[in-house]
Protein backbone atom coordinates (compact mmCIF):
# COMPACT_ATOMS: atom_id res chain seq x y z
CA MET A 1 137.02 112.63 103.16
CA ASP A 2 136.33 111.74 106.75
CA ILE A 3 132.72 110.52 106.81
CA GLY A 4 130.51 109.79 109.82
CA LEU A 5 127.42 107.64 109.31
CA VAL A 6 124.60 107.53 111.86
CA HIS A 7 122.08 104.69 112.02
CA PRO A 8 119.92 103.62 115.01
CA GLU A 9 120.90 99.95 115.02
CA LEU A 10 123.09 97.26 113.51
CA ILE A 11 121.07 94.21 114.53
CA TYR A 12 118.78 92.97 111.79
CA PRO A 13 120.04 91.83 108.35
CA ARG A 14 117.42 93.90 106.52
CA GLY A 15 117.68 96.00 103.38
CA ALA A 16 118.38 99.34 105.05
CA GLU A 17 121.19 97.85 107.14
CA LYS A 18 122.67 96.13 104.08
CA GLN A 19 122.55 99.46 102.26
CA LEU A 20 124.44 101.17 105.08
CA CYS A 21 127.08 98.44 105.36
CA LYS A 22 127.65 98.18 101.60
CA LEU A 23 128.01 101.97 101.42
CA SER A 24 130.52 101.93 104.27
CA TYR A 25 132.48 99.13 102.61
CA TYR A 26 132.76 100.92 99.25
CA LEU A 27 133.50 104.33 100.76
CA ASP A 28 136.42 102.68 102.56
CA LYS A 29 137.55 101.09 99.29
CA MET A 30 137.44 104.55 97.68
CA GLY A 31 139.95 105.75 100.29
CA HIS A 32 137.68 107.56 102.75
CA GLU A 33 137.80 107.32 106.53
CA VAL A 34 134.47 105.88 107.69
CA THR A 35 132.91 105.78 111.16
CA ILE A 36 129.45 104.42 112.01
CA TYR A 37 127.60 105.70 115.09
CA THR A 38 124.70 103.61 116.40
CA PHE A 39 122.53 103.05 119.46
CA GLU A 40 122.94 99.28 119.43
CA LYS A 41 125.01 96.68 117.56
CA GLU A 42 124.78 92.89 117.55
CA GLU A 43 128.22 91.39 118.24
CA SER A 44 127.83 88.55 115.72
CA TYR A 45 126.24 90.83 113.12
CA LEU A 46 125.63 89.23 109.71
CA PHE A 47 127.23 92.15 107.86
CA ASN A 48 130.38 92.27 110.04
CA PRO A 49 132.61 91.17 107.10
CA LEU A 50 131.70 94.42 105.31
CA LEU A 51 132.73 96.48 108.34
CA GLU A 52 136.23 95.16 109.03
CA ASN A 53 137.90 98.49 108.13
CA VAL A 54 135.12 100.71 109.48
CA ASN A 55 135.22 102.40 112.88
CA ILE A 56 132.06 101.58 114.88
CA ILE A 57 130.94 103.54 117.93
CA SER A 58 127.91 102.07 119.71
CA LEU A 59 126.04 103.25 122.79
CA ASN A 60 125.23 99.58 123.51
CA THR A 61 121.70 100.66 124.40
CA LYS A 62 118.44 99.06 123.29
CA TRP A 63 117.08 101.26 120.55
CA VAL A 64 113.45 100.05 120.73
CA LEU A 65 111.71 99.39 124.02
CA ASN A 66 108.18 99.68 122.63
CA TYR A 67 107.02 98.89 119.09
CA LEU A 68 104.71 101.92 119.24
CA PHE A 69 107.36 104.26 117.84
CA GLU A 70 105.64 107.36 119.25
CA LEU A 71 106.59 106.19 122.74
CA ASN A 72 110.28 106.08 121.83
CA GLN A 73 110.66 109.61 120.43
CA PHE A 74 111.87 111.47 123.55
CA ARG A 75 114.13 108.59 124.53
CA TRP A 76 115.68 108.62 121.04
CA ALA A 77 116.33 112.34 121.30
CA ASN A 78 118.37 111.68 124.43
CA LEU A 79 120.30 108.87 122.70
CA ILE A 80 121.04 111.09 119.70
CA ARG A 81 122.35 113.75 122.10
CA LYS A 82 124.65 111.12 123.63
CA ILE A 83 125.90 110.10 120.19
CA SER A 84 126.60 113.76 119.34
CA SER A 85 129.06 113.90 122.24
CA LYS A 86 131.06 111.13 120.57
CA ILE A 87 131.08 112.59 117.04
CA GLY A 88 134.57 113.09 115.69
CA ASP A 89 135.93 115.80 113.40
CA HIS A 90 134.25 114.61 110.19
CA ASP A 91 133.89 116.45 106.89
CA ILE A 92 130.32 115.23 106.47
CA ILE A 93 127.71 113.22 108.36
CA ASN A 94 125.42 110.85 106.48
CA ALA A 95 122.32 110.02 108.54
CA HIS A 96 120.25 106.98 107.60
CA ASN A 97 117.04 105.60 109.11
CA HIS A 98 114.86 107.74 111.39
CA PRO A 99 115.74 109.22 113.85
CA ALA A 100 119.37 109.40 112.70
CA GLN A 101 118.71 112.73 110.93
CA TRP A 102 118.26 114.39 114.34
CA ILE A 103 122.04 114.39 114.73
CA SER A 104 122.01 117.52 112.53
CA ASN A 105 120.55 119.49 115.45
CA PHE A 106 123.47 118.61 117.74
CA THR A 107 126.47 119.29 115.48
CA ASP A 108 127.77 121.95 113.10
CA ILE A 109 129.05 119.29 110.67
CA PRO A 110 126.88 119.28 107.49
CA THR A 111 124.35 116.42 107.62
CA VAL A 112 123.00 114.66 104.54
CA TRP A 113 120.03 112.38 105.28
CA MET A 114 119.53 109.18 103.26
CA CYS A 115 115.78 108.90 103.81
CA ASN A 116 114.53 105.44 102.92
CA GLU A 117 111.21 106.17 104.61
CA PRO A 118 110.16 109.35 106.45
CA TYR A 119 108.52 109.17 109.85
CA HIS A 120 104.85 108.59 109.09
CA LYS A 121 103.27 111.11 111.49
CA GLN A 122 103.56 114.82 112.14
CA HIS A 123 105.53 115.18 115.36
CA ARG A 124 106.66 118.53 116.76
CA LEU A 125 109.89 117.08 118.18
CA ASP A 126 110.74 115.38 114.87
CA ASN A 127 110.09 118.58 112.91
CA TYR A 128 112.33 120.59 115.20
CA LEU A 129 115.21 118.09 115.38
CA SER A 130 115.15 117.46 111.60
CA SER A 131 115.17 121.15 110.66
CA LYS A 132 118.95 121.54 110.23
CA VAL A 133 119.48 118.73 107.70
CA LYS A 134 121.44 120.20 104.76
CA SER A 135 120.02 117.88 102.11
CA THR A 136 117.71 114.88 102.02
CA LEU A 137 118.20 111.99 99.60
CA SER A 138 115.23 109.79 98.78
CA ILE A 139 115.39 106.18 97.69
CA SER A 140 112.55 106.43 95.12
CA ALA A 141 110.26 108.94 93.45
CA GLU A 142 107.40 107.99 95.76
CA ILE A 143 109.55 108.56 98.84
CA GLU A 144 110.65 111.94 97.46
CA THR A 145 106.99 112.97 97.25
CA MET A 146 106.40 111.74 100.81
CA VAL A 147 109.41 113.64 102.16
CA LYS A 148 108.35 116.89 100.45
CA ASP A 149 104.88 116.50 101.94
CA ARG A 150 106.15 115.58 105.40
CA TYR A 151 109.05 118.08 105.53
CA PRO A 152 108.18 120.90 103.08
CA GLN A 153 111.23 122.95 104.10
CA MET A 154 113.71 120.25 103.02
CA GLN A 155 115.78 120.08 99.85
CA VAL A 156 115.17 116.61 98.37
CA GLU A 157 116.60 114.60 95.46
CA THR A 158 116.15 110.95 94.48
CA VAL A 159 119.33 108.86 94.30
CA GLY A 160 117.95 105.30 94.50
CA SER A 161 119.97 102.64 96.25
CA GLY A 162 121.92 99.55 95.25
CA ALA A 163 121.84 95.79 94.82
CA GLY A 164 124.31 93.06 93.98
CA LEU A 165 125.21 89.40 94.20
CA ASP A 166 128.29 87.91 95.80
CA ARG A 167 128.28 84.89 93.52
CA LYS A 168 126.68 83.64 90.32
CA ILE A 169 123.28 81.94 90.58
CA GLU A 170 123.44 78.38 89.23
CA HIS A 171 119.75 77.61 88.37
CA ILE A 172 119.40 74.01 89.51
CA GLU A 173 116.68 72.02 87.73
CA ASN A 174 114.33 69.77 89.70
CA GLU A 175 110.78 68.44 89.57
CA TYR A 176 109.34 71.44 91.45
CA PHE A 177 108.23 74.93 90.49
CA ASP A 178 110.07 76.82 93.23
CA LEU A 179 109.08 80.32 94.31
CA VAL A 180 111.16 82.42 96.71
CA PHE A 181 110.17 85.43 98.78
CA VAL A 182 112.54 87.34 101.09
CA GLY A 183 111.30 89.76 103.73
CA PRO A 184 110.08 89.83 107.35
CA LEU A 185 106.71 88.23 107.99
CA HIS A 186 104.29 91.15 108.10
CA PRO A 187 100.84 91.89 106.64
CA LYS A 188 102.29 94.84 104.67
CA LYS A 189 104.57 92.43 102.80
CA HIS A 190 101.50 90.55 101.47
CA GLN A 191 102.92 87.03 101.78
CA LEU A 192 99.36 85.74 102.18
CA ASP A 193 98.54 87.11 98.71
CA ILE A 194 101.12 84.74 97.23
CA ILE A 195 99.47 81.68 98.77
CA ASN A 196 96.03 82.95 97.76
CA ALA A 197 97.27 83.41 94.19
CA PHE A 198 98.60 79.84 94.05
CA SER A 199 95.29 78.55 95.40
CA LEU A 200 93.70 79.91 92.20
CA ILE A 201 96.17 78.14 89.90
CA LYS A 202 97.13 75.06 91.93
CA ASP A 203 95.68 72.70 89.31
CA LYS A 204 97.92 74.27 86.64
CA ILE A 205 101.04 74.28 88.84
CA PRO A 206 100.58 71.23 91.10
CA ASN A 207 104.30 70.87 91.87
CA ALA A 208 104.78 74.33 93.43
CA ARG A 209 106.94 74.94 96.49
CA LEU A 210 106.81 78.36 98.15
CA HIS A 211 109.91 79.39 100.12
CA PHE A 212 109.44 82.28 102.58
CA VAL A 213 112.65 83.75 104.01
CA GLY A 214 112.22 86.20 106.89
CA GLY A 215 111.72 86.06 110.62
CA GLU A 216 108.77 86.98 112.81
CA VAL A 217 108.56 90.50 114.21
CA GLY A 218 105.90 90.77 116.91
CA LEU A 219 102.39 89.38 117.32
CA LEU A 220 101.21 90.36 113.82
CA SER A 221 103.92 88.14 112.32
CA LYS A 222 102.86 85.12 114.38
CA ARG A 223 99.23 85.56 113.38
CA LEU A 224 100.22 85.94 109.74
CA LYS A 225 102.35 82.80 109.80
CA ASN A 226 99.47 80.80 111.28
CA SER A 227 97.13 82.11 108.57
CA MET A 228 99.65 81.21 105.88
CA ILE A 229 100.01 77.67 107.22
CA GLU A 230 96.24 77.18 107.47
CA LEU A 231 95.61 78.47 103.94
CA ALA A 232 98.42 76.37 102.46
CA GLN A 233 97.19 73.22 104.18
CA LYS A 234 93.62 73.88 103.04
CA ASN A 235 94.77 74.16 99.42
CA GLN A 236 97.48 71.48 99.64
CA ILE A 237 100.24 73.92 98.75
CA GLU A 238 103.75 73.20 100.03
CA ILE A 239 105.30 76.10 101.92
CA LEU A 240 108.62 76.32 103.73
CA PHE A 241 109.78 78.96 106.23
CA TYR A 242 113.34 80.12 106.89
CA ASP A 243 114.25 82.50 109.69
CA SER A 244 117.71 84.05 109.80
CA ILE A 245 119.93 82.41 107.17
CA THR A 246 123.40 83.09 105.79
CA ASP A 247 123.98 84.63 102.37
CA GLU A 248 125.13 81.27 101.04
CA GLU A 249 121.95 79.59 102.29
CA LEU A 250 119.94 82.34 100.61
CA TYR A 251 121.86 81.91 97.38
CA SER A 252 121.15 78.19 97.50
CA LEU A 253 117.45 79.06 97.44
CA TYR A 254 118.10 81.44 94.53
CA ASP A 255 119.73 78.48 92.74
CA LEU A 256 116.46 76.57 93.07
CA ALA A 257 114.11 79.41 92.24
CA ASP A 258 112.03 79.33 89.07
CA ILE A 259 110.37 82.61 90.04
CA SER A 260 110.52 85.22 92.78
CA VAL A 261 107.60 87.33 93.98
CA PHE A 262 107.76 90.56 95.98
CA VAL A 263 104.40 92.34 96.17
CA PRO A 264 104.37 94.51 99.33
CA GLU A 265 102.60 97.79 99.95
CA SER A 266 104.54 101.02 100.55
CA GLU A 267 107.96 99.45 99.91
CA PRO A 268 110.62 102.20 99.53
CA TRP A 269 113.06 100.13 97.42
CA GLY A 270 113.42 96.34 97.38
CA ILE A 271 116.93 94.87 97.34
CA PHE A 272 115.61 91.30 97.14
CA PRO A 273 113.78 91.59 93.76
CA LEU A 274 116.76 93.40 92.24
CA GLU A 275 119.06 90.60 93.44
CA THR A 276 116.87 87.92 91.89
CA MET A 277 116.72 89.83 88.60
CA LEU A 278 120.52 90.08 88.67
CA GLY A 279 120.52 86.32 89.17
CA GLY A 280 118.41 85.79 86.04
CA ILE A 281 115.28 84.84 88.00
CA ASN A 282 112.00 86.11 86.60
CA THR A 283 110.63 88.39 89.32
CA ILE A 284 107.14 89.79 89.91
CA ILE A 285 106.89 93.00 91.96
CA SER A 286 104.07 95.27 93.11
CA ASP A 287 103.41 98.78 91.85
CA GLN A 288 104.15 100.10 95.35
CA CYS A 289 107.71 98.76 95.26
CA GLY A 290 110.29 101.55 94.74
CA ALA A 291 112.52 99.24 92.70
CA ALA A 292 109.90 99.45 89.92
CA ASP A 293 111.35 102.91 89.19
CA VAL A 294 114.50 101.39 87.69
CA LEU A 295 112.83 98.81 85.42
CA PRO A 296 112.51 99.52 81.68
CA ASN A 297 108.77 98.74 81.62
CA ASN A 298 105.89 97.28 83.66
CA LYS A 299 106.22 93.74 82.32
CA PHE A 300 106.77 92.28 85.80
CA VAL A 301 104.65 94.77 87.78
CA ILE A 302 101.21 94.00 89.22
CA GLU A 303 98.76 96.05 91.25
CA THR A 304 99.35 95.72 94.99
CA GLY A 305 96.74 93.46 96.58
CA ASN A 306 95.33 92.20 93.26
CA ILE A 307 95.45 88.45 93.88
CA LYS A 308 93.82 87.44 90.60
CA GLN A 309 96.28 89.56 88.62
CA LEU A 310 99.16 88.05 90.59
CA ALA A 311 97.91 84.51 89.88
CA ASN A 312 97.59 85.27 86.16
CA LYS A 313 101.05 86.84 86.05
CA ILE A 314 102.66 83.82 87.79
CA LEU A 315 101.02 81.52 85.27
CA ASP A 316 102.04 83.76 82.37
CA VAL A 317 105.66 83.83 83.53
CA LYS A 318 105.68 80.03 83.76
CA GLU A 319 104.08 79.49 80.35
CA ASN A 320 106.12 82.16 78.53
CA PHE A 321 109.46 81.68 80.24
CA ASP A 322 111.72 82.73 77.33
CA GLU A 323 109.84 85.97 76.72
CA TYR A 324 110.05 86.96 80.37
CA ASN A 325 113.63 85.76 80.66
CA ASN A 326 114.64 88.18 77.90
CA GLU A 327 113.00 91.02 79.86
CA THR A 328 114.86 89.90 82.98
CA MET A 329 118.18 90.07 81.13
CA ILE A 330 117.43 93.65 79.99
CA ALA A 331 116.51 94.67 83.53
CA SER A 332 119.58 93.01 85.06
CA LYS A 333 121.86 94.93 82.68
CA ILE A 334 120.34 98.23 83.82
CA ILE A 335 120.71 97.23 87.47
CA ARG A 336 124.36 96.15 87.04
CA GLU A 337 125.34 99.35 85.25
CA ASN A 338 123.43 101.93 87.29
CA TYR A 339 122.40 100.40 90.61
CA SER A 340 125.31 98.29 91.78
CA TRP A 341 126.47 98.99 95.33
CA LYS A 342 129.60 100.58 93.91
CA ALA A 343 127.56 102.87 91.63
CA TYR A 344 125.30 103.86 94.54
CA SER A 345 128.34 104.60 96.72
CA LYS A 346 129.86 106.74 93.97
CA ARG A 347 126.65 108.79 93.72
CA MET A 348 126.76 109.30 97.48
CA GLU A 349 130.43 110.30 97.37
CA ASN A 350 129.67 112.95 94.73
CA ILE A 351 126.87 114.37 96.88
CA PHE A 352 129.06 114.45 100.01
CA CYS A 353 131.65 116.48 98.07
CA ARG A 354 129.03 119.18 97.44
CA PHE A 355 128.33 119.73 101.13
CA LYS A 356 131.59 119.09 102.98
């Protein structure tokens, strides 16, 4: 097949962009012709090695001029129209993050939308431009419900996403109890909950080090980081921040990690917790994390925002390591077999064949 993928930007090394680039890489390996269309691409993009055999057509235009997304809608419609003029003779178009699905209104090529997260507000322009999508794929059961509520006319099915590691995690022993978190600094990611939880158990885990990987995005991030630093200093908890790091630098942190924690609200999927489980790291996630859908039970799941429950779960994982490690091994087997990037790409290929 000749497949066109549309995504607003290739700038940030976040989960949705990794999903797109891994999909492109494996579709190419399967023998398909792959082209990505985007508003803006960073020249030294972290995922460039995955895109060596992929055609990339960029408008080289800033995709966000105002972080109030409502103010960007009409501008995006114009950019999507410009992209449509560059669309080749593809068998299928796979749109990813909003507003990529609008391309369906400017071409007769069947469009399948991989909806990681629907636009959060009713918007007349969005409803109109999204109306010709052939099929919508959701990343989790919760997102499927959201899409059906937001776009009741759409055909929706849940396909999940993928995760994987590029090398084995070594598990280096040291005198610390190392925790790792990966994700942009934002109140919705609940990084402050992790520090609050450790403040409740600091006497029982005095040698803790908390590693936070993820850059600042706007004023809210800066305020959050300051609050995290103040709280950690008050409770004499060691925290370390990492902005943009390479995969190898990230894996070096995985090597150190005794536990990983990912407890955001309204998280569509969660590549990071699936990676740490694949690496044999006991991982706590929130009940609003889409990745919880693929786990065999709720052993590692806590209620979002419940700091006391999080503190108790961290302590339980530390004190009952072997029991939790066995659960991690069961979960990692499920992830490897059903939610590898190759398995995800194969599911997508099968769906494309239905609509081309």
